[in-house]
PDB file of N, CA and C in Angstrom:
ATOM      1  N   MET A   1     -23.998 -34.108 -22.832  1.00  0.00           N
ATOM      2  CA  MET A   1     -24.466 -34.562 -21.535  1.00  0.00           C
ATOM      3  C   MET A   1     -23.619 -33.946 -20.425  1.00  0.00           C
ATOM      4  N   LEU A   2     -22.300 -34.100 -20.575  1.00  0.00           N
ATOM      5  CA  LEU A   2     -21.402 -33.584 -19.550  1.00  0.00           C
ATOM      6  C   LEU A   2     -21.436 -32.062 -19.499  1.00  0.00           C
ATOM      7  N   SER A   3     -21.507 -31.424 -20.664  1.00  0.00           N
ATOM      8  CA  SER A   3     -21.533 -29.968 -20.692  1.00  0.00           C
ATOM      9  C   SER A   3     -22.809 -29.419 -20.074  1.00  0.00           C
ATOM     10  N   SER A   4     -23.919 -30.109 -20.215  1.00  0.00           N
ATOM     11  CA  SER A   4     -25.165 -29.644 -19.599  1.00  0.00           C
ATOM     12  C   SER A   4     -25.100 -29.784 -18.086  1.00  0.00           C
ATOM     13  N   GLN A   5     -24.421 -30.819 -17.591  1.00  0.00           N
ATOM     14  CA  GLN A   5     -24.253 -30.973 -16.154  1.00  0.00           C
ATOM     15  C   GLN A   5     -23.376 -29.857 -15.595  1.00  0.00           C
ATOM     16  N   ILE A   6     -22.316 -29.526 -16.321  1.00  0.00           N
ATOM     17  CA  ILE A   6     -21.428 -28.440 -15.882  1.00  0.00           C
ATOM     18  C   ILE A   6     -22.174 -27.120 -15.910  1.00  0.00           C
ATOM     19  N   LEU A   7     -22.949 -26.888 -16.948  1.00  0.00           N
ATOM     20  CA  LEU A   7     -23.718 -25.655 -17.065  1.00  0.00           C
ATOM     21  C   LEU A   7     -24.729 -25.529 -15.929  1.00  0.00           C
ATOM     22  N   ASN A   8     -25.401 -26.619 -15.584  1.00  0.00           N
ATOM     23  CA  ASN A   8     -26.358 -26.600 -14.470  1.00  0.00           C
ATOM     24  C   ASN A   8     -25.655 -26.325 -13.147  1.00  0.00           C
ATOM     25  N   THR A   9     -24.484 -26.916 -12.960  1.00  0.00           N
ATOM     26  CA  THR A   9     -23.730 -26.688 -11.725  1.00  0.00           C
ATOM     27  C   THR A   9     -23.315 -25.226 -11.610  1.00  0.00           C
ATOM     28  N   VAL A  10     -22.821 -24.659 -12.700  1.00  0.00           N
ATOM     29  CA  VAL A  10     -22.405 -23.260 -12.695  1.00  0.00           C
ATOM     30  C   VAL A  10     -23.610 -22.361 -12.470  1.00  0.00           C
ATOM     31  N   ARG A  11     -24.719 -22.681 -13.093  1.00  0.00           N
ATOM     32  CA  ARG A  11     -25.930 -21.866 -12.967  1.00  0.00           C
ATOM     33  C   ARG A  11     -26.421 -21.845 -11.520  1.00  0.00           C
ATOM     34  N   HIS A  12     -26.309 -22.954 -10.812  1.00  0.00           N
ATOM     35  CA  HIS A  12     -26.767 -23.006  -9.421  1.00  0.00           C
ATOM     36  C   HIS A  12     -25.755 -22.392  -8.459  1.00  0.00           C
ATOM     37  N   ARG A  13     -24.458 -22.445  -8.799  1.00  0.00           N
ATOM     38  CA  ARG A  13     -23.413 -21.936  -7.903  1.00  0.00           C
ATOM     39  C   ARG A  13     -23.149 -20.446  -8.085  1.00  0.00           C
ATOM     40  N   PHE A  14     -23.495 -19.882  -9.247  1.00  0.00           N
ATOM     41  CA  PHE A  14     -23.167 -18.492  -9.536  1.00  0.00           C
ATOM     42  C   PHE A  14     -23.771 -17.512  -8.539  1.00  0.00           C
ATOM     43  N   PRO A  15     -25.058 -17.621  -8.175  1.00  0.00           N
ATOM     44  CA  PRO A  15     -25.594 -16.672  -7.183  1.00  0.00           C
ATOM     45  C   PRO A  15     -24.881 -16.754  -5.835  1.00  0.00           C
ATOM     46  N   VAL A  16     -24.485 -17.954  -5.444  1.00  0.00           N
ATOM     47  CA  VAL A  16     -23.766 -18.115  -4.176  1.00  0.00           C
ATOM     48  C   VAL A  16     -22.415 -17.414  -4.246  1.00  0.00           C
ATOM     49  N   LEU A  17     -21.677 -17.611  -5.343  1.00  0.00           N
ATOM     50  CA  LEU A  17     -20.377 -16.966  -5.510  1.00  0.00           C
ATOM     51  C   LEU A  17     -20.518 -15.453  -5.583  1.00  0.00           C
ATOM     52  N   LEU A  18     -21.526 -14.973  -6.277  1.00  0.00           N
ATOM     53  CA  LEU A  18     -21.747 -13.543  -6.394  1.00  0.00           C
ATOM     54  C   LEU A  18     -22.054 -12.928  -5.033  1.00  0.00           C
ATOM     55  N   ARG A  19     -22.919 -13.572  -4.264  1.00  0.00           N
ATOM     56  CA  ARG A  19     -23.247 -13.084  -2.921  1.00  0.00           C
ATOM     57  C   ARG A  19     -22.007 -13.062  -2.039  1.00  0.00           C
ATOM     58  N   ARG A  20     -21.202 -14.101  -2.135  1.00  0.00           N
ATOM     59  CA  ARG A  20     -20.004 -14.213  -1.316  1.00  0.00           C
ATOM     60  C   ARG A  20     -19.006 -13.101  -1.660  1.00  0.00           C
ATOM     61  N   ASN A  21     -18.801 -12.841  -2.947  1.00  0.00           N
ATOM     62  CA  ASN A  21     -17.860 -11.804  -3.360  1.00  0.00           C
ATOM     63  C   ASN A  21     -18.347 -10.416  -2.976  1.00  0.00           C
ATOM     64  N   ILE A  22     -19.636 -10.176  -3.095  1.00  0.00           N
ATOM     65  CA  ILE A  22     -20.171  -8.875  -2.689  1.00  0.00           C
ATOM     66  C   ILE A  22     -20.048  -8.726  -1.172  1.00  0.00           C
ATOM     67  N   GLY A  23     -20.266  -9.786  -0.441  1.00  0.00           N
ATOM     68  CA  GLY A  23     -20.152  -9.721   1.017  1.00  0.00           C
ATOM     69  C   GLY A  23     -18.737  -9.423   1.470  1.00  0.00           C
ATOM     70  N   ILE A  24     -17.750  -9.926   0.742  1.00  0.00           N
ATOM     71  CA  ILE A  24     -16.358  -9.686   1.110  1.00  0.00           C
ATOM     72  C   ILE A  24     -15.937  -8.265   0.762  1.00  0.00           C
ATOM     73  N   SER A  25     -16.382  -7.768  -0.391  1.00  0.00           N
ATOM     74  CA  SER A  25     -15.927  -6.455  -0.836  1.00  0.00           C
ATOM     75  C   SER A  25     -16.788  -5.310  -0.314  1.00  0.00           C
ATOM     76  N   ALA A  26     -17.870  -5.582   0.365  1.00  0.00           N
ATOM     77  CA  ALA A  26     -18.746  -4.518   0.856  1.00  0.00           C
ATOM     78  C   ALA A  26     -18.044  -3.559   1.822  1.00  0.00           C
ATOM     79  N   PRO A  27     -17.228  -4.014   2.773  1.00  0.00           N
ATOM     80  CA  PRO A  27     -16.565  -3.052   3.661  1.00  0.00           C
ATOM     81  C   PRO A  27     -15.619  -2.098   2.934  1.00  0.00           C
ATOM     82  N   ILE A  28     -15.080  -2.513   1.806  1.00  0.00           N
ATOM     83  CA  ILE A  28     -14.178  -1.644   1.055  1.00  0.00           C
ATOM     84  C   ILE A  28     -14.947  -0.464   0.474  1.00  0.00           C
ATOM     85  N   LEU A  29     -16.187  -0.715   0.065  1.00  0.00           N
ATOM     86  CA  LEU A  29     -16.983   0.321  -0.563  1.00  0.00           C
ATOM     87  C   LEU A  29     -17.585   1.298   0.447  1.00  0.00           C
ATOM     88  N   GLN A  30     -17.650   0.909   1.696  1.00  0.00           N
ATOM     89  CA  GLN A  30     -18.237   1.777   2.710  1.00  0.00           C
ATOM     90  C   GLN A  30     -17.220   2.790   3.204  1.00  0.00           C
ATOM     91  N   LYS A  31     -17.736   3.914   3.675  1.00  0.00           N
ATOM     92  CA  LYS A  31     -16.874   4.913   4.284  1.00  0.00           C
ATOM     93  C   LYS A  31     -16.694   4.548   5.757  1.00  0.00           C
ATOM     94  N   ALA A  32     -15.525   4.821   6.283  1.00  0.00           N
ATOM     95  CA  ALA A  32     -15.241   4.477   7.674  1.00  0.00           C
ATOM     96  C   ALA A  32     -16.085   5.359   8.588  1.00  0.00           C
ATOM     97  N   THR A  33     -16.839   4.724   9.469  1.00  0.00           N
ATOM     98  CA  THR A  33     -17.669   5.473  10.406  1.00  0.00           C
ATOM     99  C   THR A  33     -16.991   5.592  11.755  1.00  0.00           C
ATOM    100  N   ASP A  34     -16.141   4.666  12.062  1.00  0.00           N
ATOM    101  CA  ASP A  34     -15.415   4.676  13.320  1.00  0.00           C
ATOM    102  C   ASP A  34     -14.232   5.634  13.202  1.00  0.00           C
ATOM    103  N   PRO A  35     -14.002   6.504  14.192  1.00  0.00           N
ATOM    104  CA  PRO A  35     -12.875   7.442  14.094  1.00  0.00           C
ATOM    105  C   PRO A  35     -11.515   6.745  14.053  1.00  0.00           C
ATOM    106  N   ILE A  36     -11.397   5.592  14.662  1.00  0.00           N
ATOM    107  CA  ILE A  36     -10.132   4.864  14.638  1.00  0.00           C
ATOM    108  C   ILE A  36      -9.894   4.289  13.248  1.00  0.00           C
ATOM    109  N   GLN A  37     -10.950   3.790  12.612  1.00  0.00           N
ATOM    110  CA  GLN A  37     -10.821   3.306  11.243  1.00  0.00           C
ATOM    111  C   GLN A  37     -10.432   4.444  10.305  1.00  0.00           C
ATOM    112  N   GLN A  38     -11.054   5.607  10.493  1.00  0.00           N
ATOM    113  CA  GLN A  38     -10.743   6.754   9.646  1.00  0.00           C
ATOM    114  C   GLN A  38      -9.292   7.190   9.842  1.00  0.00           C
ATOM    115  N   LEU A  39      -8.813   7.185  11.080  1.00  0.00           N
ATOM    116  CA  LEU A  39      -7.423   7.532  11.360  1.00  0.00           C
ATOM    117  C   LEU A  39      -6.472   6.538  10.704  1.00  0.00           C
ATOM    118  N   PHE A  40      -6.831   5.260  10.760  1.00  0.00           N
ATOM    119  CA  PHE A  40      -6.017   4.218  10.127  1.00  0.00           C
ATOM    120  C   PHE A  40      -5.938   4.431   8.619  1.00  0.00           C
ATOM    121  N   ILE A  41      -7.060   4.741   7.994  1.00  0.00           N
ATOM    122  CA  ILE A  41      -7.079   4.979   6.543  1.00  0.00           C
ATOM    123  C   ILE A  41      -6.252   6.200   6.187  1.00  0.00           C
ATOM    124  N   GLU A  42      -6.352   7.260   6.993  1.00  0.00           N
ATOM    125  CA  GLU A  42      -5.566   8.471   6.740  1.00  0.00           C
ATOM    126  C   GLU A  42      -4.068   8.186   6.854  1.00  0.00           C
ATOM    127  N   LYS A  43      -3.680   7.416   7.854  1.00  0.00           N
ATOM    128  CA  LYS A  43      -2.269   7.072   8.030  1.00  0.00           C
ATOM    129  C   LYS A  43      -1.758   6.214   6.873  1.00  0.00           C
ATOM    130  N   LEU A  44      -2.601   5.293   6.388  1.00  0.00           N
ATOM    131  CA  LEU A  44      -2.209   4.481   5.233  1.00  0.00           C
ATOM    132  C   LEU A  44      -1.984   5.353   4.002  1.00  0.00           C
ATOM    133  N   LYS A  45      -2.868   6.309   3.786  1.00  0.00           N
ATOM    134  CA  LYS A  45      -2.717   7.212   2.639  1.00  0.00           C
ATOM    135  C   LYS A  45      -1.476   8.089   2.788  1.00  0.00           C
ATOM    136  N   GLU A  46      -1.222   8.556   4.003  1.00  0.00           N
ATOM    137  CA  GLU A  46      -0.030   9.370   4.257  1.00  0.00           C
ATOM    138  C   GLU A  46       1.240   8.562   4.016  1.00  0.00           C
ATOM    139  N   TYR A  47       1.264   7.313   4.492  1.00  0.00           N
ATOM    140  CA  TYR A  47       2.420   6.451   4.284  1.00  0.00           C
ATOM    141  C   TYR A  47       2.623   6.155   2.800  1.00  0.00           C
ATOM    142  N   GLN A  48       1.524   5.966   2.070  1.00  0.00           N
ATOM    143  CA  GLN A  48       1.610   5.696   0.635  1.00  0.00           C
ATOM    144  C   GLN A  48       2.243   6.879  -0.094  1.00  0.00           C
ATOM    145  N   LYS A  49       1.860   8.094   0.274  1.00  0.00           N
ATOM    146  CA  LYS A  49       2.447   9.286  -0.347  1.00  0.00           C
ATOM    147  C   LYS A  49       3.935   9.381  -0.034  1.00  0.00           C
ATOM    148  N   LYS A  50       4.307   9.143   1.228  1.00  0.00           N
ATOM    149  CA  LYS A  50       5.720   9.229   1.624  1.00  0.00           C
ATOM    150  C   LYS A  50       6.549   8.162   0.928  1.00  0.00           C
ATOM    151  N   SER A  51       6.040   6.935   0.883  1.00  0.00           N
ATOM    152  CA  SER A  51       6.831   5.852   0.294  1.00  0.00           C
ATOM    153  C   SER A  51       6.988   6.036  -1.213  1.00  0.00           C
ATOM    154  N   SER A  52       5.986   6.596  -1.871  1.00  0.00           N
ATOM    155  CA  SER A  52       6.134   6.821  -3.306  1.00  0.00           C
ATOM    156  C   SER A  52       7.097   7.971  -3.588  1.00  0.00           C
ATOM    157  N   SER A  53       7.196   8.945  -2.681  1.00  0.00           N
ATOM    158  CA  SER A  53       8.125  10.058  -2.892  1.00  0.00           C
ATOM    159  C   SER A  53       9.573   9.655  -2.609  1.00  0.00           C
ATOM    160  N   VAL A  54       9.778   8.672  -1.732  1.00  0.00           N
ATOM    161  CA  VAL A  54      11.127   8.231  -1.385  1.00  0.00           C
ATOM    162  C   VAL A  54      11.695   7.314  -2.460  1.00  0.00           C
ATOM    163  N   GLY A  55      10.858   6.560  -3.116  1.00  0.00           N
ATOM    164  CA  GLY A  55      11.313   5.703  -4.206  1.00  0.00           C
ATOM    165  C   GLY A  55      11.830   4.354  -3.767  1.00  0.00           C
ATOM    166  N   GLY A  56      11.145   3.685  -2.853  1.00  0.00           N
ATOM    167  CA  GLY A  56      11.523   2.327  -2.479  1.00  0.00           C
ATOM    168  C   GLY A  56      12.433   2.225  -1.271  1.00  0.00           C
ATOM    169  N   LYS A  57      12.861   3.342  -0.730  1.00  0.00           N
ATOM    170  CA  LYS A  57      13.713   3.298   0.462  1.00  0.00           C
ATOM    171  C   LYS A  57      12.834   3.378   1.702  1.00  0.00           C
ATOM    172  N   MET A  58      13.467   3.360   2.868  1.00  0.00           N
ATOM    173  CA  MET A  58      12.720   3.446   4.112  1.00  0.00           C
ATOM    174  C   MET A  58      12.102   4.833   4.257  1.00  0.00           C
ATOM    175  N   VAL A  59      10.927   4.870   4.875  1.00  0.00           N
ATOM    176  CA  VAL A  59      10.231   6.127   5.098  1.00  0.00           C
ATOM    177  C   VAL A  59      10.645   6.681   6.453  1.00  0.00           C
ATOM    178  N   ASP A  60      11.098   7.906   6.477  1.00  0.00           N
ATOM    179  CA  ASP A  60      11.510   8.627   7.688  1.00  0.00           C
ATOM    180  C   ASP A  60      12.518   7.839   8.543  1.00  0.00           C
ATOM    181  N   PRO A  61      13.647   7.429   7.975  1.00  0.00           N
ATOM    182  CA  PRO A  61      14.611   6.688   8.796  1.00  0.00           C
ATOM    183  C   PRO A  61      15.429   7.644   9.668  1.00  0.00           C
ATOM    184  N   THR A  62      15.716   7.213  10.878  1.00  0.00           N
ATOM    185  CA  THR A  62      16.600   7.967  11.759  1.00  0.00           C
ATOM    186  C   THR A  62      18.012   7.430  11.565  1.00  0.00           C
ATOM    187  N   PRO A  63      19.025   8.193  11.961  1.00  0.00           N
ATOM    188  CA  PRO A  63      20.396   7.685  11.837  1.00  0.00           C
ATOM    189  C   PRO A  63      20.623   6.376  12.607  1.00  0.00           C
ATOM    190  N   ASP A  64      19.944   6.226  13.746  1.00  0.00           N
ATOM    191  CA  ASP A  64      20.076   4.975  14.513  1.00  0.00           C
ATOM    192  C   ASP A  64      19.529   3.787  13.726  1.00  0.00           C
ATOM    193  N   ILE A  65      18.402   3.975  13.077  1.00  0.00           N
ATOM    194  CA  ILE A  65      17.803   2.883  12.305  1.00  0.00           C
ATOM    195  C   ILE A  65      18.686   2.541  11.116  1.00  0.00           C
ATOM    196  N   GLU A  66      19.247   3.550  10.450  1.00  0.00           N
ATOM    197  CA  GLU A  66      20.130   3.289   9.314  1.00  0.00           C
ATOM    198  C   GLU A  66      21.386   2.543   9.747  1.00  0.00           C
ATOM    199  N   ARG A  67      21.955   2.927  10.901  1.00  0.00           N
ATOM    200  CA  ARG A  67      23.129   2.210  11.419  1.00  0.00           C
ATOM    201  C   ARG A  67      22.784   0.771  11.756  1.00  0.00           C
ATOM    202  N   GLU A  68      21.641   0.571  12.389  1.00  0.00           N
ATOM    203  CA  GLU A  68      21.215  -0.783  12.754  1.00  0.00           C
ATOM    204  C   GLU A  68      20.989  -1.642  11.507  1.00  0.00           C
ATOM    205  N   LEU A  69      20.394  -1.067  10.471  1.00  0.00           N
ATOM    206  CA  LEU A  69      20.186  -1.793   9.222  1.00  0.00           C
ATOM    207  C   LEU A  69      21.520  -2.167   8.584  1.00  0.00           C
ATOM    208  N   ALA A  70      22.462  -1.231   8.558  1.00  0.00           N
ATOM    209  CA  ALA A  70      23.781  -1.520   7.988  1.00  0.00           C
ATOM    210  C   ALA A  70      24.488  -2.626   8.771  1.00  0.00           C
ATOM    211  N   ALA A  71      24.365  -2.583  10.095  1.00  0.00           N
ATOM    212  CA  ALA A  71      24.992  -3.618  10.924  1.00  0.00           C
ATOM    213  C   ALA A  71      24.366  -4.987  10.651  1.00  0.00           C
ATOM    214  N   GLU A  72      23.051  -5.041  10.511  1.00  0.00           N
ATOM    215  CA  GLU A  72      22.383  -6.315  10.236  1.00  0.00           C
ATOM    216  C   GLU A  72      22.757  -6.849   8.853  1.00  0.00           C
ATOM    217  N   LEU A  73      22.835  -5.964   7.868  1.00  0.00           N
ATOM    218  CA  LEU A  73      23.226  -6.409   6.529  1.00  0.00           C
ATOM    219  C   LEU A  73      24.660  -6.921   6.507  1.00  0.00           C
ATOM    220  N   ASP A  74      25.568  -6.268   7.260  1.00  0.00           N
ATOM    221  CA  ASP A  74      26.943  -6.757   7.361  1.00  0.00           C
ATOM    222  C   ASP A  74      26.996  -8.110   8.052  1.00  0.00           C
ATOM    223  N   LYS A  75      26.169  -8.277   9.099  1.00  0.00           N
ATOM    224  CA  LYS A  75      26.134  -9.546   9.822  1.00  0.00           C
ATOM    225  C   LYS A  75      25.660 -10.670   8.911  1.00  0.00           C
ATOM    226  N   VAL A  76      24.624 -10.410   8.115  1.00  0.00           N
ATOM    227  CA  VAL A  76      24.118 -11.418   7.188  1.00  0.00           C
ATOM    228  C   VAL A  76      25.153 -11.707   6.103  1.00  0.00           C
ATOM    229  N   ALA A  77      25.844 -10.673   5.656  1.00  0.00           N
ATOM    230  CA  ALA A  77      26.868 -10.867   4.623  1.00  0.00           C
ATOM    231  C   ALA A  77      27.989 -11.761   5.150  1.00  0.00           C
ATOM    232  N   LYS A  78      28.430 -11.531   6.374  1.00  0.00           N
ATOM    233  CA  LYS A  78      29.478 -12.380   6.961  1.00  0.00           C
ATOM    234  C   LYS A  78      28.984 -13.805   7.156  1.00  0.00           C
ATOM    235  N   GLN A  79      27.740 -13.934   7.581  1.00  0.00           N
ATOM    236  CA  GLN A  79      27.182 -15.251   7.855  1.00  0.00           C
ATOM    237  C   GLN A  79      27.087 -16.093   6.590  1.00  0.00           C
ATOM    238  N   TYR A  80      26.819 -15.464   5.462  1.00  0.00           N
ATOM    239  CA  TYR A  80      26.656 -16.207   4.217  1.00  0.00           C
ATOM    240  C   TYR A  80      27.842 -16.057   3.279  1.00  0.00           C
ATOM    241  N   GLY A  81      28.975 -15.674   3.797  1.00  0.00           N
ATOM    242  CA  GLY A  81      30.202 -15.717   3.021  1.00  0.00           C
ATOM    243  C   GLY A  81      30.550 -14.446   2.281  1.00  0.00           C
ATOM    244  N   GLY A  82      29.838 -13.378   2.483  1.00  0.00           N
ATOM    245  CA  GLY A  82      30.177 -12.122   1.830  1.00  0.00           C
ATOM    246  C   GLY A  82      31.165 -11.338   2.681  1.00  0.00           C
ATOM    247  N   LYS A  83      31.748 -10.327   2.083  1.00  0.00           N
ATOM    248  CA  LYS A  83      32.663  -9.478   2.829  1.00  0.00           C
ATOM    249  C   LYS A  83      31.903  -8.294   3.386  1.00  0.00           C
ATOM    250  N   GLU A  84      32.499  -7.607   4.341  1.00  0.00           N
ATOM    251  CA  GLU A  84      31.848  -6.454   4.942  1.00  0.00           C
ATOM    252  C   GLU A  84      31.651  -5.373   3.886  1.00  0.00           C
ATOM    253  N   GLY A  85      30.432  -4.877   3.772  1.00  0.00           N
ATOM    254  CA  GLY A  85      30.117  -3.865   2.782  1.00  0.00           C
ATOM    255  C   GLY A  85      29.776  -4.423   1.415  1.00  0.00           C
ATOM    256  N   ALA A  86      29.725  -5.748   1.271  1.00  0.00           N
ATOM    257  CA  ALA A  86      29.415  -6.371  -0.021  1.00  0.00           C
ATOM    258  C   ALA A  86      27.921  -6.239  -0.311  1.00  0.00           C
ATOM    259  N   ASP A  87      27.587  -6.145  -1.581  1.00  0.00           N
ATOM    260  CA  ASP A  87      26.191  -6.060  -1.992  1.00  0.00           C
ATOM    261  C   ASP A  87      25.623  -7.477  -2.082  1.00  0.00           C
ATOM    262  N   MET A  88      24.901  -7.883  -1.051  1.00  0.00           N
ATOM    263  CA  MET A  88      24.366  -9.239  -1.003  1.00  0.00           C
ATOM    264  C   MET A  88      23.053  -9.372  -1.770  1.00  0.00           C
ATOM    265  N   THR A  89      22.546  -8.277  -2.322  1.00  0.00           N
ATOM    266  CA  THR A  89      21.316  -8.353  -3.101  1.00  0.00           C
ATOM    267  C   THR A  89      21.602  -8.688  -4.556  1.00  0.00           C
ATOM    268  N   LYS A  90      22.861  -8.606  -4.972  1.00  0.00           N
ATOM    269  CA  LYS A  90      23.246  -8.894  -6.349  1.00  0.00           C
ATOM    270  C   LYS A  90      23.500 -10.386  -6.496  1.00  0.00           C
ATOM    271  N   PHE A  91      23.058 -10.946  -7.614  1.00  0.00           N
ATOM    272  CA  PHE A  91      23.258 -12.368  -7.859  1.00  0.00           C
ATOM    273  C   PHE A  91      24.740 -12.623  -8.081  1.00  0.00           C
ATOM    274  N   PRO A  92      25.290 -13.654  -7.469  1.00  0.00           N
ATOM    275  CA  PRO A  92      26.726 -13.901  -7.613  1.00  0.00           C
ATOM    276  C   PRO A  92      27.103 -14.312  -9.035  1.00  0.00           C
ATOM    277  N   THR A  93      28.323 -13.973  -9.393  1.00  0.00           N
ATOM    278  CA  THR A  93      28.840 -14.397 -10.700  1.00  0.00           C
ATOM    279  C   THR A  93      29.759 -15.591 -10.476  1.00  0.00           C
ATOM    280  N   PHE A  94      29.625 -16.566 -11.329  1.00  0.00           N
ATOM    281  CA  PHE A  94      30.413 -17.780 -11.214  1.00  0.00           C
ATOM    282  C   PHE A  94      31.374 -17.862 -12.388  1.00  0.00           C
ATOM    283  N   GLN A  95      32.576 -18.348 -12.099  1.00  0.00           N
ATOM    284  CA  GLN A  95      33.551 -18.579 -13.147  1.00  0.00           C
ATOM    285  C   GLN A  95      34.006 -20.032 -13.034  1.00  0.00           C
ATOM    286  N   PHE A  96      33.705 -20.794 -14.047  1.00  0.00           N
ATOM    287  CA  PHE A  96      34.079 -22.191 -14.066  1.00  0.00           C
ATOM    288  C   PHE A  96      35.270 -22.359 -15.009  1.00  0.00           C
ATOM    289  N   LYS A  97      36.338 -22.884 -14.474  1.00  0.00           N
ATOM    290  CA  LYS A  97      37.536 -23.115 -15.274  1.00  0.00           C
ATOM    291  C   LYS A  97      37.675 -24.617 -15.511  1.00  0.00           C
ATOM    292  N   ASP A  98      38.120 -24.955 -16.710  1.00  0.00           N
ATOM    293  CA  ASP A  98      38.359 -26.357 -17.010  1.00  0.00           C
ATOM    294  C   ASP A  98      39.599 -26.824 -16.254  1.00  0.00           C
ATOM    295  N   PRO A  99      39.518 -27.983 -15.616  1.00  0.00           N
ATOM    296  CA  PRO A  99      40.689 -28.481 -14.907  1.00  0.00           C
ATOM    297  C   PRO A  99      41.757 -28.957 -15.895  1.00  0.00           C
ATOM    298  N   VAL A 100      42.984 -28.863 -15.464  1.00  0.00           N
ATOM    299  CA  VAL A 100      44.095 -29.349 -16.278  1.00  0.00           C
ATOM    300  C   VAL A 100      44.187 -30.854 -16.074  1.00  0.00           C
ATOM    301  N   LEU A 101      44.095 -31.597 -17.170  1.00  0.00           N
ATOM    302  CA  LEU A 101      44.125 -33.053 -17.090  1.00  0.00           C
ATOM    303  C   LEU A 101      45.471 -33.562 -17.586  1.00  0.00           C
ATOM    304  N   ASP A 102      45.949 -34.562 -16.928  1.00  0.00           N
ATOM    305  CA  ASP A 102      47.187 -35.218 -17.372  1.00  0.00           C
ATOM    306  C   ASP A 102      46.841 -36.081 -18.581  1.00  0.00           C
ATOM    307  N   PRO A 103      47.697 -36.065 -19.579  1.00  0.00           N
ATOM    308  CA  PRO A 103      47.421 -36.920 -20.741  1.00  0.00           C
ATOM    309  C   PRO A 103      47.526 -38.397 -20.335  1.00  0.00           C
ATOM    310  N   ILE A 104      46.687 -39.169 -20.926  1.00  0.00           N
ATOM    311  CA  ILE A 104      46.692 -40.597 -20.634  1.00  0.00           C
ATOM    312  C   ILE A 104      47.682 -41.273 -21.576  1.00  0.00           C
ATOM    313  N   ASN A 105      48.562 -42.078 -21.015  1.00  0.00           N
ATOM    314  CA  ASN A 105      49.553 -42.803 -21.798  1.00  0.00           C
ATOM    315  C   ASN A 105      48.918 -44.100 -22.286  1.00  0.00           C
ATOM    316  N   LEU A 106      48.548 -44.124 -23.557  1.00  0.00           N
ATOM    317  CA  LEU A 106      47.890 -45.304 -24.097  1.00  0.00           C
ATOM    318  C   LEU A 106      48.868 -46.342 -24.625  1.00  0.00           C
ATOM    319  N   SER A 107      50.057 -45.922 -25.000  1.00  0.00           N
ATOM    320  CA  SER A 107      51.007 -46.882 -25.527  1.00  0.00           C
ATOM    321  C   SER A 107      51.797 -47.480 -24.380  1.00  0.00           C
ATOM    322  N   GLN A 108      51.982 -48.787 -24.440  1.00  0.00           N
ATOM    323  CA  GLN A 108      52.724 -49.441 -23.363  1.00  0.00           C
ATOM    324  C   GLN A 108      53.823 -50.303 -23.890  1.00  0.00           C
TER     325      GLN A 108
END
C-alpha cells in the first residue's frame, strides 16, 4: 500500500523534476551569443589554463601583491600566536607531559 503511494508520487513528480533540471542546465549547453558572455567564457578558460600551469599558486602575481600577502600572513600568525615566518597552514603538534605528583603519605 505504502509503496504504491510512493510510486505514484514519484511517477507524478518525475516530469516536473526533469523539466526543472533541463531548464536549469539549458544555458550551459547553449553557445554564448552575447559578445560579453563570450569574452567572459574566454577569460575563464584562459585563467583555467594559467592556474593549472602554476600548480595551485597565485596567477600572475606582482611583487607588490606577494609582499602584501606575506605581510597579511605574518599579521595573522602574530594574531593567533605564531611567530613571524611560521607556517600557519600546518596543523600544530602537541606534547603532553605527565605532571610530577607528590607521593601521598598514607601512614600516620
